[in-house]
Amino acid sequence: MRTLVEFVVVALVLVVTPGPATATVLRVAARDGRRAATSAILGNSAGVLVWASLSALGVSSLVLASEVAYDGLRVGGAVVLVLLGLRSLVGRRKTPDPAAPEPAPRRAAGWRTGLVTSLANPKLALFFVALFPQFIPADAPVLPLALAMAATLVAFELVWYSLLAFAVVRAGTALRPTVQRRIEQGTGALMVALGARLAREVR
């Protein structure tokens, strides 16, 4: 069994490594603002907790054991990423007023985007199934410990992704609308690239 310190190090590396969640937060922050990005972060965190619970209950292991189920999840996740990225690449929107409150539907859409991206990421299932058992003693209750470790991971994500969203929003308010649009398109291209890579991956 590995130590708690090792888990913290692995969790930090996982959080700061760019992936679908990072691209989602950057895209929502560039497109819809800080509150919508916060909602996306919370949605992503909810997805992480769902995967942790499923892992503790053994459902994730069943998904990974089935080639069809895993491939379906992988392709579905790739489609989600590509579609979200294309919306940022080709979509048109009005430049938001930084002083105006963000509409509730935009925040709700951010939450759904974060949740769907997280749930459609097969790498989370693989992470929890492959890594979590290494930090859980054989005689310990699995579900409480898995949720505690997931909560630690979520706490790191909340801090890191909030800093990223804050930086993107601050940069956007200081830049011209054309530059803001380039930032949005850049995050969209990143999501398309991540989706394409996910679609090509083979276990």
N, C-alpha and C. Protein backbone atom coordinates (compact mmCIF):
# COMPACT_ATOMS: atom_id res chain seq x y z
N MET A 1 0.84 -1.20 0.00
CA MET A 1 0.00 0.00 0.00
C MET A 1 0.87 1.25 0.00
N ARG A 2 0.51 2.19 -0.79
CA ARG A 2 1.26 3.44 -0.87
C ARG A 2 0.83 4.40 0.24
N THR A 3 1.64 5.46 0.43
CA THR A 3 1.37 6.39 1.51
C THR A 3 0.45 7.52 1.06
N LEU A 4 -0.10 8.24 2.03
CA LEU A 4 -0.98 9.37 1.74
C LEU A 4 -0.23 10.47 1.01
N VAL A 5 1.05 10.67 1.39
CA VAL A 5 1.85 11.70 0.72
C VAL A 5 1.99 11.38 -0.76
N GLU A 6 2.19 10.12 -1.08
CA GLU A 6 2.30 9.72 -2.48
C GLU A 6 1.00 10.00 -3.23
N PHE A 7 -0.12 9.74 -2.57
CA PHE A 7 -1.41 10.02 -3.21
C PHE A 7 -1.56 11.50 -3.49
N VAL A 8 -1.19 12.35 -2.54
CA VAL A 8 -1.29 13.80 -2.72
C VAL A 8 -0.45 14.24 -3.91
N VAL A 9 0.76 13.70 -4.03
CA VAL A 9 1.63 14.05 -5.16
C VAL A 9 1.01 13.63 -6.47
N VAL A 10 0.50 12.39 -6.52
CA VAL A 10 -0.13 11.89 -7.75
C VAL A 10 -1.35 12.73 -8.10
N ALA A 11 -2.15 13.08 -7.09
CA ALA A 11 -3.36 13.88 -7.33
C ALA A 11 -3.00 15.26 -7.88
N LEU A 12 -1.96 15.86 -7.32
CA LEU A 12 -1.53 17.18 -7.81
C LEU A 12 -1.06 17.11 -9.26
N VAL A 13 -0.29 16.08 -9.58
CA VAL A 13 0.18 15.91 -10.96
C VAL A 13 -1.00 15.72 -11.90
N LEU A 14 -1.97 14.91 -11.48
CA LEU A 14 -3.15 14.66 -12.31
C LEU A 14 -3.92 15.95 -12.57
N VAL A 15 -4.07 16.77 -11.54
CA VAL A 15 -4.87 17.99 -11.66
C VAL A 15 -4.22 18.99 -12.61
N VAL A 16 -2.91 19.19 -12.48
CA VAL A 16 -2.24 20.23 -13.28
C VAL A 16 -1.90 19.75 -14.69
N THR A 17 -2.02 18.45 -14.96
CA THR A 17 -1.77 17.95 -16.31
C THR A 17 -2.95 18.31 -17.21
N PRO A 18 -2.72 19.02 -18.32
CA PRO A 18 -3.84 19.43 -19.19
C PRO A 18 -4.60 18.23 -19.73
N GLY A 19 -5.91 18.36 -19.75
CA GLY A 19 -6.78 17.31 -20.25
C GLY A 19 -8.16 17.88 -20.56
N PRO A 20 -9.15 17.03 -20.74
CA PRO A 20 -10.50 17.51 -21.08
C PRO A 20 -11.07 18.50 -20.08
N ALA A 21 -10.85 18.25 -18.78
CA ALA A 21 -11.40 19.17 -17.78
C ALA A 21 -10.75 20.55 -17.90
N THR A 22 -9.45 20.58 -18.09
CA THR A 22 -8.76 21.86 -18.25
C THR A 22 -9.29 22.61 -19.47
N ALA A 23 -9.42 21.91 -20.59
CA ALA A 23 -9.92 22.55 -21.80
C ALA A 23 -11.35 23.05 -21.62
N THR A 24 -12.16 22.29 -20.90
CA THR A 24 -13.54 22.70 -20.66
C THR A 24 -13.61 23.98 -19.85
N VAL A 25 -12.84 24.04 -18.78
CA VAL A 25 -12.84 25.23 -17.92
C VAL A 25 -12.35 26.45 -18.70
N LEU A 26 -11.27 26.29 -19.47
CA LEU A 26 -10.74 27.41 -20.24
C LEU A 26 -11.76 27.88 -21.28
N ARG A 27 -12.41 26.92 -21.93
CA ARG A 27 -13.39 27.28 -22.96
C ARG A 27 -14.57 28.04 -22.36
N VAL A 28 -15.13 27.53 -21.26
CA VAL A 28 -16.29 28.18 -20.65
C VAL A 28 -15.90 29.55 -20.11
N ALA A 29 -14.72 29.66 -19.51
CA ALA A 29 -14.27 30.95 -19.00
C ALA A 29 -14.12 31.97 -20.12
N ALA A 30 -13.53 31.55 -21.24
CA ALA A 30 -13.32 32.47 -22.36
C ALA A 30 -14.63 32.83 -23.03
N ARG A 31 -15.56 31.89 -23.05
CA ARG A 31 -16.80 32.10 -23.79
C ARG A 31 -17.89 32.77 -22.95
N ASP A 32 -18.03 32.33 -21.69
CA ASP A 32 -19.20 32.73 -20.91
C ASP A 32 -18.89 33.43 -19.60
N GLY A 33 -17.63 33.55 -19.21
CA GLY A 33 -17.32 34.32 -18.02
C GLY A 33 -17.02 33.49 -16.78
N ARG A 34 -16.72 34.22 -15.68
CA ARG A 34 -16.22 33.57 -14.46
C ARG A 34 -17.26 32.70 -13.78
N ARG A 35 -18.48 33.19 -13.63
CA ARG A 35 -19.49 32.41 -12.91
C ARG A 35 -19.84 31.13 -13.66
N ALA A 36 -19.92 31.23 -14.99
CA ALA A 36 -20.19 30.03 -15.78
C ALA A 36 -19.03 29.05 -15.66
N ALA A 37 -17.80 29.57 -15.62
CA ALA A 37 -16.63 28.70 -15.46
C ALA A 37 -16.65 28.03 -14.09
N THR A 38 -17.04 28.77 -13.05
CA THR A 38 -17.17 28.17 -11.72
C THR A 38 -18.19 27.05 -11.72
N SER A 39 -19.29 27.26 -12.43
CA SER A 39 -20.30 26.21 -12.54
C SER A 39 -19.75 25.00 -13.26
N ALA A 40 -18.95 25.23 -14.31
CA ALA A 40 -18.33 24.11 -15.03
C ALA A 40 -17.38 23.34 -14.12
N ILE A 41 -16.64 24.06 -13.29
CA ILE A 41 -15.73 23.40 -12.34
C ILE A 41 -16.52 22.53 -11.36
N LEU A 42 -17.63 23.06 -10.86
CA LEU A 42 -18.45 22.29 -9.92
C LEU A 42 -19.08 21.08 -10.61
N GLY A 43 -19.48 21.25 -11.86
CA GLY A 43 -20.02 20.11 -12.61
C GLY A 43 -18.98 19.03 -12.82
N ASN A 44 -17.76 19.45 -13.14
CA ASN A 44 -16.67 18.49 -13.30
C ASN A 44 -16.40 17.76 -11.99
N SER A 45 -16.44 18.49 -10.88
CA SER A 45 -16.20 17.89 -9.57
C SER A 45 -17.28 16.86 -9.25
N ALA A 46 -18.52 17.16 -9.62
CA ALA A 46 -19.60 16.19 -9.40
C ALA A 46 -19.34 14.91 -10.19
N GLY A 47 -18.84 15.05 -11.41
CA GLY A 47 -18.51 13.87 -12.21
C GLY A 47 -17.39 13.05 -11.60
N VAL A 48 -16.39 13.74 -11.03
CA VAL A 48 -15.29 13.03 -10.37
C VAL A 48 -15.82 12.21 -9.20
N LEU A 49 -16.72 12.80 -8.41
CA LEU A 49 -17.29 12.08 -7.27
C LEU A 49 -18.13 10.89 -7.73
N VAL A 50 -18.82 11.05 -8.86
CA VAL A 50 -19.60 9.93 -9.39
C VAL A 50 -18.67 8.77 -9.77
N TRP A 51 -17.58 9.09 -10.47
CA TRP A 51 -16.64 8.04 -10.87
C TRP A 51 -15.99 7.38 -9.65
N ALA A 52 -15.70 8.17 -8.61
CA ALA A 52 -15.12 7.61 -7.40
C ALA A 52 -16.09 6.64 -6.74
N SER A 53 -17.37 7.03 -6.69
CA SER A 53 -18.39 6.16 -6.09
C SER A 53 -18.55 4.88 -6.89
N LEU A 54 -18.61 5.01 -8.22
CA LEU A 54 -18.75 3.83 -9.08
C LEU A 54 -17.54 2.91 -8.96
N SER A 55 -16.37 3.51 -8.79
CA SER A 55 -15.16 2.71 -8.63
C SER A 55 -15.23 1.91 -7.34
N ALA A 56 -15.64 2.58 -6.25
CA ALA A 56 -15.75 1.90 -4.96
C ALA A 56 -16.77 0.78 -5.00
N LEU A 57 -17.82 0.96 -5.80
CA LEU A 57 -18.88 -0.05 -5.91
C LEU A 57 -18.56 -1.13 -6.94
N GLY A 58 -17.47 -0.94 -7.68
CA GLY A 58 -17.06 -1.95 -8.65
C GLY A 58 -17.61 -1.76 -10.04
N VAL A 59 -18.42 -0.73 -10.26
CA VAL A 59 -19.03 -0.52 -11.58
C VAL A 59 -17.99 -0.13 -12.61
N SER A 60 -17.05 0.71 -12.21
CA SER A 60 -16.01 1.14 -13.15
C SER A 60 -15.19 -0.05 -13.64
N SER A 61 -14.93 -1.00 -12.74
CA SER A 61 -14.18 -2.19 -13.14
C SER A 61 -14.93 -2.98 -14.21
N LEU A 62 -16.25 -3.06 -14.07
CA LEU A 62 -17.05 -3.77 -15.06
C LEU A 62 -17.00 -3.06 -16.41
N VAL A 63 -17.04 -1.72 -16.37
CA VAL A 63 -16.98 -0.95 -17.62
C VAL A 63 -15.65 -1.20 -18.32
N LEU A 64 -14.57 -1.14 -17.55
CA LEU A 64 -13.25 -1.32 -18.15
C LEU A 64 -13.02 -2.75 -18.61
N ALA A 65 -13.70 -3.69 -17.95
CA ALA A 65 -13.55 -5.09 -18.35
C ALA A 65 -14.27 -5.39 -19.66
N SER A 66 -15.23 -4.57 -20.01
CA SER A 66 -15.98 -4.77 -21.24
C SER A 66 -15.42 -3.90 -22.34
N GLU A 67 -14.91 -4.51 -23.38
CA GLU A 67 -14.34 -3.76 -24.51
C GLU A 67 -15.38 -2.87 -25.16
N VAL A 68 -16.61 -3.38 -25.30
CA VAL A 68 -17.67 -2.61 -25.94
C VAL A 68 -18.05 -1.40 -25.09
N ALA A 69 -18.19 -1.61 -23.77
CA ALA A 69 -18.57 -0.51 -22.89
C ALA A 69 -17.48 0.57 -22.86
N TYR A 70 -16.23 0.13 -22.77
CA TYR A 70 -15.14 1.10 -22.73
C TYR A 70 -15.05 1.88 -24.04
N ASP A 71 -15.14 1.19 -25.16
CA ASP A 71 -15.06 1.87 -26.45
C ASP A 71 -16.24 2.82 -26.64
N GLY A 72 -17.42 2.42 -26.17
CA GLY A 72 -18.57 3.31 -26.26
C GLY A 72 -18.37 4.58 -25.46
N LEU A 73 -17.84 4.42 -24.25
CA LEU A 73 -17.55 5.58 -23.41
C LEU A 73 -16.47 6.45 -24.04
N ARG A 74 -15.45 5.82 -24.59
CA ARG A 74 -14.35 6.57 -25.20
C ARG A 74 -14.82 7.37 -26.41
N VAL A 75 -15.58 6.73 -27.29
CA VAL A 75 -16.08 7.42 -28.48
C VAL A 75 -17.08 8.51 -28.09
N GLY A 76 -17.94 8.21 -27.12
CA GLY A 76 -18.88 9.23 -26.66
C GLY A 76 -18.17 10.44 -26.09
N GLY A 77 -17.14 10.20 -25.29
CA GLY A 77 -16.36 11.32 -24.75
C GLY A 77 -15.67 12.12 -25.84
N ALA A 78 -15.15 11.43 -26.85
CA ALA A 78 -14.50 12.12 -27.96
C ALA A 78 -15.49 13.01 -28.71
N VAL A 79 -16.70 12.49 -28.93
CA VAL A 79 -17.73 13.27 -29.63
C VAL A 79 -18.10 14.51 -28.84
N VAL A 80 -18.25 14.37 -27.52
CA VAL A 80 -18.57 15.52 -26.67
C VAL A 80 -17.50 16.59 -26.79
N LEU A 81 -16.25 16.20 -26.68
CA LEU A 81 -15.15 17.17 -26.75
C LEU A 81 -15.10 17.87 -28.11
N VAL A 82 -15.24 17.11 -29.18
CA VAL A 82 -15.16 17.69 -30.52
C VAL A 82 -16.31 18.66 -30.75
N LEU A 83 -17.51 18.29 -30.34
CA LEU A 83 -18.67 19.17 -30.55
C LEU A 83 -18.52 20.47 -29.76
N LEU A 84 -18.08 20.36 -28.51
CA LEU A 84 -17.89 21.58 -27.72
C LEU A 84 -16.80 22.45 -28.33
N GLY A 85 -15.72 21.81 -28.79
CA GLY A 85 -14.65 22.57 -29.41
C GLY A 85 -15.09 23.26 -30.69
N LEU A 86 -15.89 22.57 -31.51
CA LEU A 86 -16.36 23.17 -32.75
C LEU A 86 -17.29 24.36 -32.49
N ARG A 87 -18.06 24.28 -31.41
CA ARG A 87 -18.93 25.41 -31.07
C ARG A 87 -18.11 26.67 -30.80
N SER A 88 -16.97 26.49 -30.15
CA SER A 88 -16.11 27.64 -29.89
C SER A 88 -15.38 28.11 -31.14
N LEU A 89 -15.06 27.16 -32.03
CA LEU A 89 -14.32 27.52 -33.24
C LEU A 89 -15.18 28.28 -34.24
N VAL A 90 -16.41 27.84 -34.44
CA VAL A 90 -17.24 28.41 -35.50
C VAL A 90 -18.40 29.23 -34.99
N GLY A 91 -18.69 29.16 -33.69
CA GLY A 91 -19.84 29.89 -33.17
C GLY A 91 -19.58 31.38 -33.10
N ARG A 92 -20.66 32.12 -33.15
CA ARG A 92 -20.58 33.57 -33.01
C ARG A 92 -21.36 33.98 -31.77
N ARG A 93 -20.84 34.94 -31.05
CA ARG A 93 -21.52 35.41 -29.85
C ARG A 93 -21.26 36.89 -29.68
N LYS A 94 -22.12 37.52 -28.91
CA LYS A 94 -21.91 38.92 -28.57
C LYS A 94 -20.85 39.03 -27.47
N THR A 95 -20.05 40.06 -27.54
CA THR A 95 -19.05 40.27 -26.50
C THR A 95 -19.74 40.63 -25.20
N PRO A 96 -19.54 39.84 -24.13
CA PRO A 96 -20.24 40.10 -22.88
C PRO A 96 -19.75 41.37 -22.20
N ASP A 97 -20.66 42.02 -21.49
CA ASP A 97 -20.32 43.19 -20.69
C ASP A 97 -19.79 42.70 -19.35
N PRO A 98 -18.53 42.98 -19.01
CA PRO A 98 -17.96 42.48 -17.75
C PRO A 98 -18.74 42.94 -16.53
N ALA A 99 -19.41 44.10 -16.61
CA ALA A 99 -20.14 44.63 -15.46
C ALA A 99 -21.52 44.01 -15.31
N ALA A 100 -22.00 43.34 -16.33
CA ALA A 100 -23.34 42.76 -16.29
C ALA A 100 -23.29 41.37 -15.67
N PRO A 101 -24.33 41.02 -14.88
CA PRO A 101 -24.36 39.67 -14.31
C PRO A 101 -24.56 38.62 -15.39
N GLU A 102 -23.93 37.48 -15.18
CA GLU A 102 -24.05 36.41 -16.17
C GLU A 102 -25.41 35.73 -16.02
N PRO A 103 -26.12 35.50 -17.11
CA PRO A 103 -27.43 34.88 -17.03
C PRO A 103 -27.38 33.50 -16.40
N ALA A 104 -28.44 33.16 -15.66
CA ALA A 104 -28.51 31.84 -15.01
C ALA A 104 -28.42 30.70 -16.01
N PRO A 105 -29.08 30.79 -17.19
CA PRO A 105 -28.94 29.70 -18.16
C PRO A 105 -27.50 29.44 -18.58
N ARG A 106 -26.70 30.50 -18.66
CA ARG A 106 -25.30 30.32 -19.04
C ARG A 106 -24.54 29.56 -17.96
N ARG A 107 -24.85 29.87 -16.69
CA ARG A 107 -24.20 29.16 -15.59
C ARG A 107 -24.65 27.70 -15.55
N ALA A 108 -25.95 27.47 -15.80
CA ALA A 108 -26.46 26.10 -15.82
C ALA A 108 -25.82 25.30 -16.95
N ALA A 109 -25.65 25.94 -18.10
CA ALA A 109 -25.00 25.28 -19.23
C ALA A 109 -23.55 24.94 -18.89
N GLY A 110 -22.89 25.83 -18.16
CA GLY A 110 -21.52 25.56 -17.74
C GLY A 110 -21.44 24.35 -16.83
N TRP A 111 -22.39 24.23 -15.91
CA TRP A 111 -22.41 23.08 -15.01
C TRP A 111 -22.63 21.78 -15.78
N ARG A 112 -23.57 21.81 -16.70
CA ARG A 112 -23.84 20.61 -17.51
C ARG A 112 -22.63 20.23 -18.35
N THR A 113 -21.96 21.23 -18.90
CA THR A 113 -20.77 20.95 -19.72
C THR A 113 -19.68 20.29 -18.89
N GLY A 114 -19.44 20.83 -17.70
CA GLY A 114 -18.43 20.24 -16.82
C GLY A 114 -18.78 18.82 -16.41
N LEU A 115 -20.05 18.59 -16.09
CA LEU A 115 -20.49 17.26 -15.66
C LEU A 115 -20.38 16.25 -16.80
N VAL A 116 -20.88 16.62 -17.97
CA VAL A 116 -20.88 15.69 -19.11
C VAL A 116 -19.45 15.37 -19.52
N THR A 117 -18.59 16.38 -19.56
CA THR A 117 -17.19 16.15 -19.93
C THR A 117 -16.51 15.19 -18.96
N SER A 118 -16.80 15.36 -17.68
CA SER A 118 -16.21 14.50 -16.67
C SER A 118 -16.74 13.06 -16.77
N LEU A 119 -18.05 12.91 -16.90
CA LEU A 119 -18.64 11.58 -16.96
C LEU A 119 -18.25 10.84 -18.24
N ALA A 120 -17.98 11.60 -19.32
CA ALA A 120 -17.65 10.98 -20.60
C ALA A 120 -16.16 10.72 -20.75
N ASN A 121 -15.39 10.94 -19.69
CA ASN A 121 -13.93 10.76 -19.76
C ASN A 121 -13.56 9.38 -19.24
N PRO A 122 -13.25 8.42 -20.11
CA PRO A 122 -12.91 7.07 -19.64
C PRO A 122 -11.62 7.02 -18.84
N LYS A 123 -10.78 8.05 -18.98
CA LYS A 123 -9.53 8.07 -18.23
C LYS A 123 -9.79 8.21 -16.73
N LEU A 124 -10.91 8.85 -16.36
CA LEU A 124 -11.25 8.95 -14.94
C LEU A 124 -11.58 7.57 -14.38
N ALA A 125 -12.34 6.81 -15.15
CA ALA A 125 -12.66 5.45 -14.71
C ALA A 125 -11.38 4.63 -14.55
N LEU A 126 -10.49 4.74 -15.52
CA LEU A 126 -9.22 4.02 -15.46
C LEU A 126 -8.39 4.47 -14.26
N PHE A 127 -8.38 5.78 -14.00
CA PHE A 127 -7.61 6.33 -12.89
C PHE A 127 -8.10 5.76 -11.55
N PHE A 128 -9.40 5.80 -11.35
CA PHE A 128 -9.93 5.34 -10.07
C PHE A 128 -9.78 3.84 -9.88
N VAL A 129 -9.99 3.08 -10.94
CA VAL A 129 -9.87 1.63 -10.82
C VAL A 129 -8.42 1.20 -10.62
N ALA A 130 -7.50 1.83 -11.34
CA ALA A 130 -6.10 1.41 -11.30
C ALA A 130 -5.35 1.99 -10.10
N LEU A 131 -5.70 3.21 -9.69
CA LEU A 131 -4.89 3.90 -8.68
C LEU A 131 -5.45 3.78 -7.26
N PHE A 132 -6.74 3.98 -7.12
CA PHE A 132 -7.31 4.03 -5.78
C PHE A 132 -7.01 2.80 -4.94
N PRO A 133 -7.13 1.57 -5.49
CA PRO A 133 -6.87 0.40 -4.64
C PRO A 133 -5.48 0.38 -4.02
N GLN A 134 -4.53 1.05 -4.65
CA GLN A 134 -3.17 1.06 -4.11
C GLN A 134 -3.06 1.85 -2.82
N PHE A 135 -4.04 2.71 -2.54
CA PHE A 135 -3.98 3.56 -1.35
C PHE A 135 -5.01 3.15 -0.29
N ILE A 136 -5.71 2.05 -0.52
CA ILE A 136 -6.75 1.60 0.42
C ILE A 136 -6.30 0.29 1.05
N PRO A 137 -6.16 0.25 2.39
CA PRO A 137 -5.78 -1.00 3.06
C PRO A 137 -6.82 -2.09 2.81
N ALA A 138 -6.36 -3.32 2.86
CA ALA A 138 -7.23 -4.45 2.53
C ALA A 138 -8.42 -4.56 3.48
N ASP A 139 -8.23 -4.18 4.76
CA ASP A 139 -9.29 -4.33 5.74
C ASP A 139 -10.06 -3.03 5.99
N ALA A 140 -9.84 -2.00 5.16
CA ALA A 140 -10.48 -0.70 5.37
C ALA A 140 -11.77 -0.60 4.57
N PRO A 141 -12.73 0.21 5.04
CA PRO A 141 -13.97 0.43 4.27
C PRO A 141 -13.65 1.18 2.98
N VAL A 142 -14.02 0.60 1.85
CA VAL A 142 -13.61 1.14 0.56
C VAL A 142 -14.31 2.45 0.22
N LEU A 143 -15.65 2.47 0.34
CA LEU A 143 -16.39 3.64 -0.12
C LEU A 143 -16.01 4.92 0.62
N PRO A 144 -15.95 4.92 1.97
CA PRO A 144 -15.56 6.17 2.65
C PRO A 144 -14.17 6.66 2.26
N LEU A 145 -13.21 5.73 2.15
CA LEU A 145 -11.85 6.14 1.79
C LEU A 145 -11.78 6.63 0.35
N ALA A 146 -12.50 5.95 -0.54
CA ALA A 146 -12.50 6.38 -1.94
C ALA A 146 -13.10 7.77 -2.06
N LEU A 147 -14.19 8.02 -1.35
CA LEU A 147 -14.81 9.35 -1.41
C LEU A 147 -13.91 10.41 -0.76
N ALA A 148 -13.20 10.04 0.30
CA ALA A 148 -12.29 10.99 0.94
C ALA A 148 -11.15 11.37 -0.02
N MET A 149 -10.60 10.38 -0.72
CA MET A 149 -9.54 10.67 -1.69
C MET A 149 -10.09 11.47 -2.87
N ALA A 150 -11.31 11.13 -3.29
CA ALA A 150 -11.93 11.90 -4.38
C ALA A 150 -12.16 13.34 -3.94
N ALA A 151 -12.56 13.54 -2.68
CA ALA A 151 -12.77 14.90 -2.18
C ALA A 151 -11.46 15.68 -2.16
N THR A 152 -10.36 14.99 -1.85
CA THR A 152 -9.05 15.65 -1.89
C THR A 152 -8.71 16.07 -3.32
N LEU A 153 -8.96 15.17 -4.24
CA LEU A 153 -8.72 15.48 -5.65
C LEU A 153 -9.58 16.66 -6.10
N VAL A 154 -10.85 16.65 -5.69
CA VAL A 154 -11.76 17.74 -6.06
C VAL A 154 -11.29 19.06 -5.47
N ALA A 155 -10.80 19.04 -4.23
CA ALA A 155 -10.32 20.27 -3.60
C ALA A 155 -9.16 20.87 -4.39
N PHE A 156 -8.23 20.01 -4.83
CA PHE A 156 -7.12 20.49 -5.65
C PHE A 156 -7.64 21.07 -6.97
N GLU A 157 -8.61 20.38 -7.57
CA GLU A 157 -9.17 20.86 -8.84
C GLU A 157 -9.86 22.21 -8.67
N LEU A 158 -10.60 22.38 -7.60
CA LEU A 158 -11.30 23.64 -7.37
C LEU A 158 -10.33 24.81 -7.32
N VAL A 159 -9.23 24.61 -6.63
CA VAL A 159 -8.22 25.68 -6.53
C VAL A 159 -7.56 25.94 -7.87
N TRP A 160 -7.07 24.87 -8.52
CA TRP A 160 -6.32 25.03 -9.77
C TRP A 160 -7.18 25.57 -10.89
N TYR A 161 -8.36 24.98 -11.09
CA TYR A 161 -9.22 25.41 -12.19
C TYR A 161 -9.78 26.81 -11.94
N SER A 162 -10.01 27.16 -10.69
CA SER A 162 -10.48 28.52 -10.38
C SER A 162 -9.41 29.55 -10.73
N LEU A 163 -8.15 29.20 -10.46
CA LEU A 163 -7.05 30.11 -10.83
C LEU A 163 -6.96 30.26 -12.35
N LEU A 164 -7.11 29.15 -13.08
CA LEU A 164 -7.08 29.22 -14.54
C LEU A 164 -8.23 30.07 -15.07
N ALA A 165 -9.43 29.84 -14.55
CA ALA A 165 -10.59 30.60 -15.01
C ALA A 165 -10.42 32.09 -14.71
N PHE A 166 -9.91 32.40 -13.52
CA PHE A 166 -9.69 33.80 -13.15
C PHE A 166 -8.70 34.46 -14.11
N ALA A 167 -7.61 33.74 -14.44
CA ALA A 167 -6.61 34.30 -15.34
C ALA A 167 -7.19 34.55 -16.73
N VAL A 168 -8.00 33.61 -17.23
CA VAL A 168 -8.59 33.76 -18.56
C VAL A 168 -9.58 34.94 -18.58
N VAL A 169 -10.41 35.04 -17.55
CA VAL A 169 -11.40 36.11 -17.51
C VAL A 169 -10.72 37.47 -17.38
N ARG A 170 -9.71 37.57 -16.51
CA ARG A 170 -9.00 38.83 -16.35
C ARG A 170 -8.30 39.23 -17.65
N ALA A 171 -7.70 38.25 -18.31
CA ALA A 171 -7.05 38.55 -19.59
C ALA A 171 -8.07 38.99 -20.61
N GLY A 172 -9.25 38.35 -20.60
CA GLY A 172 -10.28 38.69 -21.57
C GLY A 172 -10.81 40.10 -21.40
N THR A 173 -10.99 40.53 -20.15
CA THR A 173 -11.50 41.88 -19.92
C THR A 173 -10.48 42.96 -20.27
N ALA A 174 -9.19 42.58 -20.27
CA ALA A 174 -8.14 43.56 -20.58
C ALA A 174 -7.80 43.59 -22.06
N LEU A 175 -8.35 42.67 -22.83
CA LEU A 175 -8.01 42.57 -24.24
C LEU A 175 -9.15 43.00 -25.13
N ARG A 176 -8.84 43.25 -26.38
CA ARG A 176 -9.87 43.63 -27.34
C ARG A 176 -10.75 42.44 -27.67
N PRO A 177 -11.98 42.69 -28.13
CA PRO A 177 -12.89 41.58 -28.48
C PRO A 177 -12.30 40.59 -29.46
N THR A 178 -11.49 41.07 -30.39
CA THR A 178 -10.91 40.14 -31.37
C THR A 178 -9.93 39.19 -30.71
N VAL A 179 -9.18 39.68 -29.72
CA VAL A 179 -8.24 38.83 -29.01
C VAL A 179 -9.00 37.85 -28.12
N GLN A 180 -10.09 38.32 -27.49
CA GLN A 180 -10.93 37.43 -26.70
C GLN A 180 -11.43 36.27 -27.56
N ARG A 181 -11.82 36.61 -28.79
CA ARG A 181 -12.32 35.58 -29.70
C ARG A 181 -11.23 34.57 -30.04
N ARG A 182 -10.00 35.06 -30.18
CA ARG A 182 -8.88 34.15 -30.48
C ARG A 182 -8.64 33.20 -29.30
N ILE A 183 -8.78 33.70 -28.09
CA ILE A 183 -8.61 32.83 -26.92
C ILE A 183 -9.68 31.74 -26.93
N GLU A 184 -10.91 32.13 -27.21
CA GLU A 184 -11.99 31.15 -27.26
C GLU A 184 -11.74 30.12 -28.36
N GLN A 185 -11.30 30.58 -29.52
CA GLN A 185 -11.02 29.65 -30.61
C GLN A 185 -9.85 28.72 -30.26
N GLY A 186 -8.87 29.25 -29.55
CA GLY A 186 -7.74 28.42 -29.15
C GLY A 186 -8.16 27.29 -28.21
N THR A 187 -9.02 27.62 -27.24
CA THR A 187 -9.50 26.57 -26.34
C THR A 187 -10.39 25.58 -27.09
N GLY A 188 -11.13 26.08 -28.08
CA GLY A 188 -11.95 25.18 -28.90
C GLY A 188 -11.09 24.21 -29.68
N ALA A 189 -10.01 24.72 -30.27
CA ALA A 189 -9.10 23.85 -31.02
C ALA A 189 -8.47 22.81 -30.11
N LEU A 190 -8.15 23.20 -28.87
CA LEU A 190 -7.58 22.25 -27.92
C LEU A 190 -8.56 21.12 -27.62
N MET A 191 -9.85 21.47 -27.46
CA MET A 191 -10.85 20.45 -27.18
C MET A 191 -11.01 19.50 -28.37
N VAL A 192 -10.99 20.03 -29.58
CA VAL A 192 -11.09 19.18 -30.77
C VAL A 192 -9.90 18.23 -30.83
N ALA A 193 -8.71 18.74 -30.54
CA ALA A 193 -7.52 17.91 -30.57
C ALA A 193 -7.58 16.80 -29.51
N LEU A 194 -8.05 17.15 -28.31
CA LEU A 194 -8.18 16.16 -27.26
C LEU A 194 -9.21 15.10 -27.63
N GLY A 195 -10.31 15.54 -28.24
CA GLY A 195 -11.34 14.59 -28.66
C GLY A 195 -10.82 13.65 -29.73
N ALA A 196 -10.08 14.19 -30.68
CA ALA A 196 -9.51 13.35 -31.75
C ALA A 196 -8.51 12.35 -31.18
N ARG A 197 -7.70 12.79 -30.23
CA ARG A 197 -6.74 11.87 -29.62
C ARG A 197 -7.44 10.77 -28.84
N LEU A 198 -8.50 11.15 -28.11
CA LEU A 198 -9.25 10.16 -27.35
C LEU A 198 -9.89 9.13 -28.27
N ALA A 199 -10.39 9.58 -29.42
CA ALA A 199 -11.04 8.67 -30.36
C ALA A 199 -10.04 7.67 -30.95
N ARG A 200 -8.79 8.07 -31.07
CA ARG A 200 -7.78 7.20 -31.69
C ARG A 200 -7.15 6.24 -30.70
N GLU A 201 -7.30 6.52 -29.40
CA GLU A 201 -6.61 5.71 -28.40
C GLU A 201 -7.15 4.30 -28.35
N VAL A 202 -6.24 3.38 -28.13
CA VAL A 202 -6.60 1.97 -27.97
C VAL A 202 -6.01 1.48 -26.66
N ARG A 203 -6.81 0.72 -25.91
CA ARG A 203 -6.30 0.21 -24.64
C ARG A 203 -5.17 -0.78 -24.87
